[in-house]
Amino acid sequence: MDAMKRQAGRPSKENSVPVGQVFEGKTSRAILATQSSDSNTQIQRYVRLTSLIPALLQMVDDGKIAFRPAVDLSYLQEAEQAALLDTMQAQDATPSLAQAQKMKLFSQEGKLTQEVIQSVMMEEKPNQVEHFKISKTKLSKFFAPGTSMQKVEDTIVKALEQYRKRQRDREL
């Protein structure tokens, strides 16, 4: 919006169109998109962020909340955003895109309560699941070439279960 307002010299009709309005068959977002590296959709997302409460918007500006989840959170009502902010501060966590989308859906259905927000925020995020890696080289001597990774994993888990059972039997 600022770029449209501050073009050098006196503003023309083209760059004085409010964002979202139509000028000569184009929306102001489309006009701005032709003048910047951002797409019409990306500009729409930036404008959507203005619906966030100031504290959440500041977290986006500070890089504490990712851009795409923030866009989905902008659809929450102000009271819901405030409740989310409280939960985020209490849990010292920010929502993933999937969590933000889930809360947006609950909000649209009129079912987003403080309890629902807390429940969604407590869900384990895919990028927080710990993984254990063993190099393929180390495993190759135990499995035939071409054995699927799922088969390797299943075999290792079964072997560990048997190992644990033997350990327990020895302790008795």
N, C-alpha and C. Protein backbone atom coordinates (compact mmCIF):
# COMPACT_ATOMS: atom_id res chain seq x y z
N MET A 1 0.84 -1.18 0.00
CA MET A 1 0.00 0.00 0.00
C MET A 1 0.88 1.23 0.00
N ASP A 2 1.94 1.18 0.80
CA ASP A 2 2.84 2.34 0.84
C ASP A 2 3.48 2.57 -0.51
N ALA A 3 3.87 1.49 -1.19
CA ALA A 3 4.51 1.63 -2.50
C ALA A 3 3.56 2.30 -3.49
N MET A 4 2.29 1.99 -3.38
CA MET A 4 1.32 2.58 -4.30
C MET A 4 1.12 4.06 -4.01
N LYS A 5 1.25 4.45 -2.74
CA LYS A 5 1.02 5.83 -2.35
C LYS A 5 2.22 6.73 -2.60
N ARG A 6 3.47 6.15 -2.59
CA ARG A 6 4.65 7.00 -2.63
C ARG A 6 5.41 6.98 -3.93
N GLN A 7 4.80 6.71 -5.01
CA GLN A 7 5.54 6.73 -6.25
C GLN A 7 6.02 8.16 -6.51
N ALA A 8 7.17 8.30 -7.11
CA ALA A 8 7.77 9.63 -7.32
C ALA A 8 6.81 10.57 -8.04
N GLY A 9 6.83 11.83 -7.62
CA GLY A 9 5.97 12.83 -8.24
C GLY A 9 4.55 12.75 -7.73
N ARG A 10 3.68 13.41 -8.42
CA ARG A 10 2.28 13.46 -8.03
C ARG A 10 1.61 12.12 -8.28
N PRO A 11 0.83 11.58 -7.35
CA PRO A 11 0.19 10.28 -7.56
C PRO A 11 -0.73 10.29 -8.78
N SER A 12 -0.62 9.26 -9.57
CA SER A 12 -1.53 9.12 -10.72
C SER A 12 -2.79 8.41 -10.25
N LYS A 13 -3.78 8.36 -11.13
CA LYS A 13 -5.01 7.64 -10.78
C LYS A 13 -4.69 6.18 -10.47
N GLU A 14 -3.75 5.61 -11.24
CA GLU A 14 -3.44 4.19 -11.09
C GLU A 14 -2.90 3.85 -9.71
N ASN A 15 -1.99 4.69 -9.16
CA ASN A 15 -1.43 4.31 -7.88
C ASN A 15 -2.14 4.95 -6.69
N SER A 16 -3.29 5.52 -6.91
CA SER A 16 -4.04 6.06 -5.79
C SER A 16 -5.28 5.23 -5.48
N VAL A 17 -5.40 4.09 -6.14
CA VAL A 17 -6.54 3.21 -5.92
C VAL A 17 -6.32 2.44 -4.62
N PRO A 18 -7.27 2.49 -3.65
CA PRO A 18 -7.10 1.73 -2.41
C PRO A 18 -6.96 0.24 -2.71
N VAL A 19 -6.17 -0.46 -1.88
CA VAL A 19 -5.94 -1.89 -2.07
C VAL A 19 -7.27 -2.62 -2.07
N GLY A 20 -7.45 -3.49 -3.06
CA GLY A 20 -8.67 -4.26 -3.17
C GLY A 20 -9.70 -3.63 -4.09
N GLN A 21 -9.54 -2.35 -4.43
CA GLN A 21 -10.48 -1.66 -5.30
C GLN A 21 -10.11 -1.94 -6.76
N VAL A 22 -11.05 -1.68 -7.67
CA VAL A 22 -10.84 -1.97 -9.08
C VAL A 22 -10.57 -0.67 -9.84
N PHE A 23 -9.55 -0.67 -10.72
CA PHE A 23 -9.22 0.46 -11.56
C PHE A 23 -8.92 -0.07 -12.94
N GLU A 24 -9.67 0.39 -13.93
CA GLU A 24 -9.49 -0.03 -15.32
C GLU A 24 -9.43 -1.55 -15.44
N GLY A 25 -10.33 -2.23 -14.76
CA GLY A 25 -10.43 -3.69 -14.86
C GLY A 25 -9.44 -4.48 -14.02
N LYS A 26 -8.58 -3.79 -13.27
CA LYS A 26 -7.60 -4.49 -12.43
C LYS A 26 -7.80 -4.07 -10.98
N THR A 27 -7.58 -5.03 -10.07
CA THR A 27 -7.62 -4.65 -8.66
C THR A 27 -6.30 -3.94 -8.34
N SER A 28 -6.32 -3.18 -7.27
CA SER A 28 -5.09 -2.50 -6.87
C SER A 28 -4.00 -3.51 -6.52
N ARG A 29 -4.40 -4.69 -6.00
CA ARG A 29 -3.41 -5.74 -5.73
C ARG A 29 -2.74 -6.19 -7.01
N ALA A 30 -3.53 -6.35 -8.07
CA ALA A 30 -2.98 -6.78 -9.36
C ALA A 30 -2.04 -5.72 -9.93
N ILE A 31 -2.41 -4.46 -9.76
CA ILE A 31 -1.55 -3.36 -10.22
C ILE A 31 -0.24 -3.39 -9.45
N LEU A 32 -0.34 -3.52 -8.12
CA LEU A 32 0.85 -3.55 -7.29
C LEU A 32 1.73 -4.76 -7.62
N ALA A 33 1.10 -5.87 -7.92
CA ALA A 33 1.84 -7.09 -8.26
C ALA A 33 2.68 -6.89 -9.52
N THR A 34 2.15 -6.11 -10.46
CA THR A 34 2.93 -5.86 -11.68
C THR A 34 4.12 -4.94 -11.40
N GLN A 35 4.05 -4.19 -10.31
CA GLN A 35 5.11 -3.23 -9.98
C GLN A 35 6.09 -3.76 -8.93
N SER A 36 5.87 -4.98 -8.44
CA SER A 36 6.76 -5.53 -7.42
C SER A 36 7.07 -6.99 -7.74
N SER A 37 7.90 -7.58 -6.94
CA SER A 37 8.26 -8.99 -7.14
C SER A 37 7.25 -9.93 -6.50
N ASP A 38 6.28 -9.38 -5.78
CA ASP A 38 5.28 -10.22 -5.12
C ASP A 38 4.09 -10.47 -6.04
N SER A 39 3.50 -11.67 -5.89
CA SER A 39 2.31 -12.01 -6.67
C SER A 39 1.08 -11.35 -6.06
N ASN A 40 0.02 -11.33 -6.82
CA ASN A 40 -1.26 -10.80 -6.35
C ASN A 40 -1.68 -11.53 -5.07
N THR A 41 -1.53 -12.85 -5.06
CA THR A 41 -1.90 -13.66 -3.89
C THR A 41 -1.04 -13.30 -2.68
N GLN A 42 0.27 -13.11 -2.89
CA GLN A 42 1.16 -12.77 -1.79
C GLN A 42 0.79 -11.39 -1.23
N ILE A 43 0.47 -10.47 -2.08
CA ILE A 43 0.06 -9.14 -1.63
C ILE A 43 -1.23 -9.24 -0.83
N GLN A 44 -2.14 -10.09 -1.28
CA GLN A 44 -3.39 -10.32 -0.55
C GLN A 44 -3.10 -10.86 0.85
N ARG A 45 -2.10 -11.74 0.95
CA ARG A 45 -1.73 -12.29 2.26
C ARG A 45 -1.16 -11.21 3.17
N TYR A 46 -0.31 -10.34 2.60
CA TYR A 46 0.23 -9.23 3.40
C TYR A 46 -0.89 -8.35 3.94
N VAL A 47 -1.85 -8.04 3.09
CA VAL A 47 -2.98 -7.21 3.51
C VAL A 47 -3.77 -7.92 4.59
N ARG A 48 -3.92 -9.23 4.46
CA ARG A 48 -4.68 -10.02 5.43
C ARG A 48 -4.06 -9.94 6.82
N LEU A 49 -2.74 -9.82 6.89
CA LEU A 49 -2.06 -9.74 8.19
C LEU A 49 -2.50 -8.53 9.01
N THR A 50 -3.04 -7.53 8.34
CA THR A 50 -3.49 -6.34 9.08
C THR A 50 -4.69 -6.65 9.98
N SER A 51 -5.26 -7.84 9.84
CA SER A 51 -6.38 -8.26 10.70
C SER A 51 -5.89 -8.90 11.99
N LEU A 52 -4.58 -9.04 12.14
CA LEU A 52 -4.04 -9.60 13.39
C LEU A 52 -4.03 -8.53 14.47
N ILE A 53 -4.18 -8.99 15.72
CA ILE A 53 -4.05 -8.04 16.83
C ILE A 53 -2.59 -7.58 16.87
N PRO A 54 -2.32 -6.40 17.36
CA PRO A 54 -0.96 -5.85 17.32
C PRO A 54 0.12 -6.77 17.89
N ALA A 55 -0.14 -7.45 18.99
CA ALA A 55 0.87 -8.31 19.60
C ALA A 55 1.25 -9.47 18.67
N LEU A 56 0.27 -10.06 18.01
CA LEU A 56 0.57 -11.16 17.08
C LEU A 56 1.28 -10.63 15.84
N LEU A 57 0.85 -9.48 15.34
CA LEU A 57 1.49 -8.88 14.17
C LEU A 57 2.96 -8.58 14.49
N GLN A 58 3.23 -8.11 15.68
CA GLN A 58 4.61 -7.83 16.08
C GLN A 58 5.43 -9.12 16.10
N MET A 59 4.81 -10.21 16.53
CA MET A 59 5.52 -11.50 16.55
C MET A 59 5.85 -11.95 15.13
N VAL A 60 4.97 -11.64 14.17
CA VAL A 60 5.25 -11.96 12.77
C VAL A 60 6.43 -11.10 12.31
N ASP A 61 6.37 -9.80 12.60
CA ASP A 61 7.45 -8.89 12.21
C ASP A 61 8.78 -9.30 12.82
N ASP A 62 8.75 -9.83 14.04
CA ASP A 62 9.97 -10.26 14.73
C ASP A 62 10.44 -11.65 14.32
N GLY A 63 9.68 -12.31 13.45
CA GLY A 63 10.04 -13.65 12.99
C GLY A 63 9.71 -14.75 13.98
N LYS A 64 8.90 -14.45 14.99
CA LYS A 64 8.54 -15.45 16.00
C LYS A 64 7.38 -16.33 15.54
N ILE A 65 6.53 -15.79 14.67
CA ILE A 65 5.45 -16.56 14.05
C ILE A 65 5.71 -16.55 12.56
N ALA A 66 5.67 -17.72 11.94
CA ALA A 66 5.90 -17.82 10.51
C ALA A 66 4.77 -17.13 9.73
N PHE A 67 5.09 -16.69 8.54
CA PHE A 67 4.18 -15.91 7.72
C PHE A 67 2.88 -16.65 7.40
N ARG A 68 2.98 -17.86 6.85
CA ARG A 68 1.77 -18.58 6.41
C ARG A 68 0.84 -18.92 7.57
N PRO A 69 1.34 -19.42 8.72
CA PRO A 69 0.42 -19.63 9.84
C PRO A 69 -0.24 -18.31 10.27
N ALA A 70 0.52 -17.21 10.23
CA ALA A 70 -0.03 -15.92 10.64
C ALA A 70 -1.20 -15.51 9.77
N VAL A 71 -1.12 -15.81 8.48
CA VAL A 71 -2.23 -15.47 7.58
C VAL A 71 -3.49 -16.20 8.03
N ASP A 72 -3.38 -17.49 8.33
CA ASP A 72 -4.55 -18.25 8.79
C ASP A 72 -5.04 -17.74 10.14
N LEU A 73 -4.13 -17.35 11.02
CA LEU A 73 -4.53 -16.83 12.33
C LEU A 73 -5.27 -15.50 12.20
N SER A 74 -5.01 -14.77 11.12
CA SER A 74 -5.66 -13.47 10.93
C SER A 74 -7.17 -13.61 10.73
N TYR A 75 -7.64 -14.81 10.43
CA TYR A 75 -9.08 -15.04 10.26
C TYR A 75 -9.79 -15.26 11.60
N LEU A 76 -9.02 -15.44 12.68
CA LEU A 76 -9.63 -15.61 14.00
C LEU A 76 -10.18 -14.27 14.48
N GLN A 77 -11.23 -14.33 15.28
CA GLN A 77 -11.77 -13.12 15.87
C GLN A 77 -10.75 -12.55 16.86
N GLU A 78 -10.86 -11.27 17.16
CA GLU A 78 -9.89 -10.63 18.06
C GLU A 78 -9.80 -11.34 19.41
N ALA A 79 -10.94 -11.72 19.98
CA ALA A 79 -10.94 -12.40 21.27
C ALA A 79 -10.24 -13.76 21.16
N GLU A 80 -10.43 -14.44 20.04
CA GLU A 80 -9.77 -15.74 19.83
C GLU A 80 -8.26 -15.54 19.69
N GLN A 81 -7.87 -14.47 18.99
CA GLN A 81 -6.44 -14.17 18.84
C GLN A 81 -5.81 -13.87 20.20
N ALA A 82 -6.54 -13.12 21.03
CA ALA A 82 -6.04 -12.80 22.37
C ALA A 82 -5.89 -14.07 23.20
N ALA A 83 -6.86 -14.98 23.10
CA ALA A 83 -6.79 -16.25 23.82
C ALA A 83 -5.61 -17.08 23.31
N LEU A 84 -5.39 -17.06 22.01
CA LEU A 84 -4.26 -17.77 21.43
C LEU A 84 -2.95 -17.19 21.94
N LEU A 85 -2.86 -15.87 21.98
CA LEU A 85 -1.65 -15.22 22.48
C LEU A 85 -1.35 -15.65 23.91
N ASP A 86 -2.38 -15.69 24.76
CA ASP A 86 -2.20 -16.14 26.14
C ASP A 86 -1.66 -17.57 26.18
N THR A 87 -2.23 -18.44 25.36
CA THR A 87 -1.80 -19.84 25.31
C THR A 87 -0.37 -19.95 24.81
N MET A 88 -0.05 -19.17 23.77
CA MET A 88 1.31 -19.20 23.24
C MET A 88 2.32 -18.78 24.30
N GLN A 89 1.98 -17.76 25.06
CA GLN A 89 2.89 -17.29 26.10
C GLN A 89 3.00 -18.31 27.23
N ALA A 90 1.90 -18.94 27.59
CA ALA A 90 1.92 -19.94 28.66
C ALA A 90 2.70 -21.19 28.27
N GLN A 91 2.57 -21.59 27.00
CA GLN A 91 3.25 -22.80 26.54
C GLN A 91 4.60 -22.52 25.89
N ASP A 92 4.93 -21.25 25.75
CA ASP A 92 6.16 -20.84 25.07
C ASP A 92 6.28 -21.55 23.73
N ALA A 93 5.22 -21.44 22.93
CA ALA A 93 5.17 -22.11 21.64
C ALA A 93 4.38 -21.26 20.64
N THR A 94 4.67 -21.47 19.37
CA THR A 94 3.91 -20.81 18.32
C THR A 94 3.26 -21.88 17.45
N PRO A 95 2.15 -21.56 16.80
CA PRO A 95 1.46 -22.58 16.01
C PRO A 95 2.14 -22.87 14.67
N SER A 96 2.07 -24.13 14.30
CA SER A 96 2.53 -24.54 12.96
C SER A 96 1.43 -24.17 11.97
N LEU A 97 1.70 -24.34 10.69
CA LEU A 97 0.69 -24.06 9.67
C LEU A 97 -0.52 -24.96 9.87
N ALA A 98 -0.30 -26.24 10.14
CA ALA A 98 -1.42 -27.18 10.33
C ALA A 98 -2.26 -26.78 11.54
N GLN A 99 -1.60 -26.35 12.62
CA GLN A 99 -2.34 -25.92 13.81
C GLN A 99 -3.13 -24.65 13.53
N ALA A 100 -2.54 -23.71 12.82
CA ALA A 100 -3.23 -22.46 12.48
C ALA A 100 -4.44 -22.74 11.61
N GLN A 101 -4.28 -23.64 10.65
CA GLN A 101 -5.40 -24.00 9.77
C GLN A 101 -6.52 -24.67 10.56
N LYS A 102 -6.14 -25.52 11.51
CA LYS A 102 -7.13 -26.19 12.35
C LYS A 102 -7.91 -25.18 13.19
N MET A 103 -7.19 -24.22 13.79
CA MET A 103 -7.87 -23.19 14.60
C MET A 103 -8.76 -22.31 13.74
N LYS A 104 -8.33 -22.00 12.52
CA LYS A 104 -9.16 -21.21 11.61
C LYS A 104 -10.48 -21.95 11.33
N LEU A 105 -10.38 -23.24 11.09
CA LEU A 105 -11.58 -24.05 10.81
C LEU A 105 -12.50 -24.08 12.03
N PHE A 106 -11.95 -24.30 13.21
CA PHE A 106 -12.77 -24.30 14.43
C PHE A 106 -13.44 -22.93 14.61
N SER A 107 -12.71 -21.87 14.31
CA SER A 107 -13.26 -20.52 14.44
C SER A 107 -14.42 -20.31 13.48
N GLN A 108 -14.26 -20.75 12.25
CA GLN A 108 -15.31 -20.61 11.25
C GLN A 108 -16.57 -21.37 11.64
N GLU A 109 -16.36 -22.49 12.37
CA GLU A 109 -17.49 -23.30 12.83
C GLU A 109 -18.05 -22.79 14.15
N GLY A 110 -17.45 -21.75 14.71
CA GLY A 110 -17.90 -21.20 15.98
C GLY A 110 -17.55 -22.07 17.17
N LYS A 111 -16.52 -22.90 17.03
CA LYS A 111 -16.16 -23.86 18.07
C LYS A 111 -14.78 -23.61 18.67
N LEU A 112 -14.18 -22.46 18.40
CA LEU A 112 -12.84 -22.21 18.91
C LEU A 112 -12.91 -21.58 20.30
N THR A 113 -12.64 -22.39 21.30
CA THR A 113 -12.65 -21.93 22.69
C THR A 113 -11.21 -21.94 23.22
N GLN A 114 -11.03 -21.41 24.40
CA GLN A 114 -9.70 -21.44 25.03
C GLN A 114 -9.21 -22.88 25.17
N GLU A 115 -10.11 -23.79 25.53
CA GLU A 115 -9.74 -25.20 25.70
C GLU A 115 -9.32 -25.80 24.36
N VAL A 116 -10.02 -25.47 23.30
CA VAL A 116 -9.68 -26.00 21.98
C VAL A 116 -8.32 -25.46 21.55
N ILE A 117 -8.09 -24.17 21.78
CA ILE A 117 -6.81 -23.56 21.44
C ILE A 117 -5.68 -24.28 22.18
N GLN A 118 -5.87 -24.51 23.48
CA GLN A 118 -4.84 -25.19 24.27
C GLN A 118 -4.59 -26.60 23.74
N SER A 119 -5.67 -27.30 23.41
CA SER A 119 -5.56 -28.66 22.90
C SER A 119 -4.79 -28.69 21.58
N VAL A 120 -5.15 -27.80 20.67
CA VAL A 120 -4.48 -27.75 19.37
C VAL A 120 -3.00 -27.40 19.55
N MET A 121 -2.73 -26.45 20.42
CA MET A 121 -1.34 -26.01 20.62
C MET A 121 -0.49 -27.08 21.30
N MET A 122 -1.11 -28.02 22.00
CA MET A 122 -0.35 -29.07 22.68
C MET A 122 -0.04 -30.25 21.75
N GLU A 123 -0.65 -30.28 20.57
CA GLU A 123 -0.39 -31.36 19.63
C GLU A 123 1.07 -31.33 19.20
N GLU A 124 1.64 -32.52 19.02
CA GLU A 124 3.03 -32.60 18.59
C GLU A 124 3.12 -32.19 17.13
N LYS A 125 4.07 -31.33 16.85
CA LYS A 125 4.28 -30.86 15.48
C LYS A 125 5.21 -31.84 14.76
N PRO A 126 4.96 -32.05 13.46
CA PRO A 126 5.80 -33.00 12.72
C PRO A 126 7.30 -32.69 12.80
N ASN A 127 7.65 -31.41 12.83
CA ASN A 127 9.07 -31.07 12.87
C ASN A 127 9.66 -31.20 14.27
N GLN A 128 8.84 -31.57 15.25
CA GLN A 128 9.32 -31.75 16.61
C GLN A 128 9.49 -33.22 16.97
N VAL A 129 9.07 -34.11 16.09
CA VAL A 129 9.20 -35.54 16.34
C VAL A 129 10.68 -35.91 16.17
N GLU A 130 11.24 -36.54 17.19
CA GLU A 130 12.64 -36.93 17.11
C GLU A 130 12.79 -38.16 16.24
N HIS A 131 13.85 -38.17 15.47
CA HIS A 131 14.14 -39.30 14.59
C HIS A 131 15.49 -39.88 14.97
N PHE A 132 15.60 -41.17 14.79
CA PHE A 132 16.85 -41.86 15.06
C PHE A 132 17.37 -42.36 13.73
N LYS A 133 18.62 -42.09 13.42
CA LYS A 133 19.17 -42.50 12.13
C LYS A 133 20.34 -43.45 12.32
N ILE A 134 20.36 -44.46 11.46
CA ILE A 134 21.49 -45.38 11.38
C ILE A 134 21.88 -45.41 9.91
N SER A 135 23.16 -45.30 9.64
CA SER A 135 23.59 -45.25 8.24
C SER A 135 23.26 -46.56 7.53
N LYS A 136 22.96 -46.44 6.26
CA LYS A 136 22.63 -47.60 5.45
C LYS A 136 23.82 -48.56 5.37
N THR A 137 25.02 -48.02 5.41
CA THR A 137 26.23 -48.83 5.35
C THR A 137 26.29 -49.80 6.54
N LYS A 138 25.98 -49.29 7.73
CA LYS A 138 26.01 -50.13 8.92
C LYS A 138 24.95 -51.23 8.87
N LEU A 139 23.82 -50.94 8.26
CA LEU A 139 22.73 -51.92 8.20
C LEU A 139 22.88 -52.91 7.06
N SER A 140 23.65 -52.56 6.04
CA SER A 140 23.73 -53.38 4.82
C SER A 140 24.21 -54.81 5.09
N LYS A 141 25.04 -55.00 6.12
CA LYS A 141 25.53 -56.36 6.39
C LYS A 141 24.47 -57.26 7.02
N PHE A 142 23.35 -56.67 7.46
CA PHE A 142 22.28 -57.45 8.09
C PHE A 142 21.08 -57.69 7.18
N PHE A 143 21.02 -56.99 6.04
CA PHE A 143 19.85 -57.09 5.16
C PHE A 143 20.29 -57.31 3.71
N ALA A 144 19.47 -58.06 3.00
CA ALA A 144 19.75 -58.32 1.59
C ALA A 144 19.61 -57.02 0.78
N PRO A 145 20.41 -56.88 -0.26
CA PRO A 145 20.28 -55.67 -1.11
C PRO A 145 18.84 -55.54 -1.63
N GLY A 146 18.34 -54.32 -1.62
CA GLY A 146 16.99 -54.07 -2.13
C GLY A 146 15.89 -54.20 -1.09
N THR A 147 16.26 -54.54 0.16
CA THR A 147 15.25 -54.63 1.22
C THR A 147 14.68 -53.23 1.47
N SER A 148 13.36 -53.15 1.53
CA SER A 148 12.73 -51.83 1.72
C SER A 148 13.05 -51.27 3.10
N MET A 149 13.05 -49.96 3.20
CA MET A 149 13.34 -49.30 4.48
C MET A 149 12.28 -49.66 5.52
N GLN A 150 11.04 -49.83 5.09
CA GLN A 150 9.99 -50.22 6.03
C GLN A 150 10.26 -51.61 6.60
N LYS A 151 10.72 -52.52 5.76
CA LYS A 151 11.06 -53.89 6.21
C LYS A 151 12.24 -53.84 7.18
N VAL A 152 13.23 -53.01 6.88
CA VAL A 152 14.39 -52.86 7.76
C VAL A 152 13.93 -52.33 9.12
N GLU A 153 13.11 -51.29 9.10
CA GLU A 153 12.62 -50.70 10.35
C GLU A 153 11.82 -51.72 11.16
N ASP A 154 10.90 -52.42 10.49
CA ASP A 154 10.09 -53.43 11.19
C ASP A 154 10.95 -54.51 11.82
N THR A 155 11.98 -54.96 11.12
CA THR A 155 12.87 -56.01 11.62
C THR A 155 13.65 -55.52 12.84
N ILE A 156 14.14 -54.28 12.77
CA ILE A 156 14.89 -53.72 13.90
C ILE A 156 14.00 -53.59 15.13
N VAL A 157 12.78 -53.13 14.94
CA VAL A 157 11.85 -52.98 16.07
C VAL A 157 11.56 -54.35 16.69
N LYS A 158 11.32 -55.37 15.85
CA LYS A 158 11.07 -56.72 16.38
C LYS A 158 12.28 -57.24 17.14
N ALA A 159 13.47 -57.01 16.61
CA ALA A 159 14.69 -57.47 17.28
C ALA A 159 14.84 -56.78 18.64
N LEU A 160 14.55 -55.50 18.70
CA LEU A 160 14.64 -54.78 19.97
C LEU A 160 13.60 -55.25 20.97
N GLU A 161 12.41 -55.59 20.48
CA GLU A 161 11.37 -56.12 21.37
C GLU A 161 11.82 -57.45 21.97
N GLN A 162 12.42 -58.32 21.16
CA GLN A 162 12.92 -59.60 21.66
C GLN A 162 14.07 -59.38 22.65
N TYR A 163 14.93 -58.43 22.35
CA TYR A 163 16.04 -58.10 23.25
C TYR A 163 15.51 -57.64 24.60
N ARG A 164 14.52 -56.76 24.59
CA ARG A 164 13.93 -56.26 25.83
C ARG A 164 13.29 -57.40 26.62
N LYS A 165 12.59 -58.30 25.93
CA LYS A 165 11.93 -59.45 26.59
C LYS A 165 12.99 -60.32 27.28
N ARG A 166 14.10 -60.58 26.61
CA ARG A 166 15.16 -61.39 27.21
C ARG A 166 15.77 -60.70 28.41
N GLN A 167 15.93 -59.41 28.34
CA GLN A 167 16.47 -58.65 29.48
C GLN A 167 15.54 -58.77 30.69
N ARG A 168 14.25 -58.63 30.45
CA ARG A 168 13.28 -58.75 31.55
C ARG A 168 13.28 -60.15 32.13
N ASP A 169 13.36 -61.16 31.26
CA ASP A 169 13.37 -62.57 31.73
C ASP A 169 14.59 -62.83 32.60
N ARG A 170 15.73 -62.25 32.27
CA ARG A 170 16.96 -62.42 33.05
C ARG A 170 16.86 -61.78 34.42
N GLU A 171 16.13 -60.65 34.47
CA GLU A 171 15.98 -59.93 35.73
C GLU A 171 15.09 -60.70 36.72
N LEU A 172 14.23 -61.56 36.20
CA LEU A 172 13.32 -62.31 37.07
C LEU A 172 14.06 -63.47 37.64
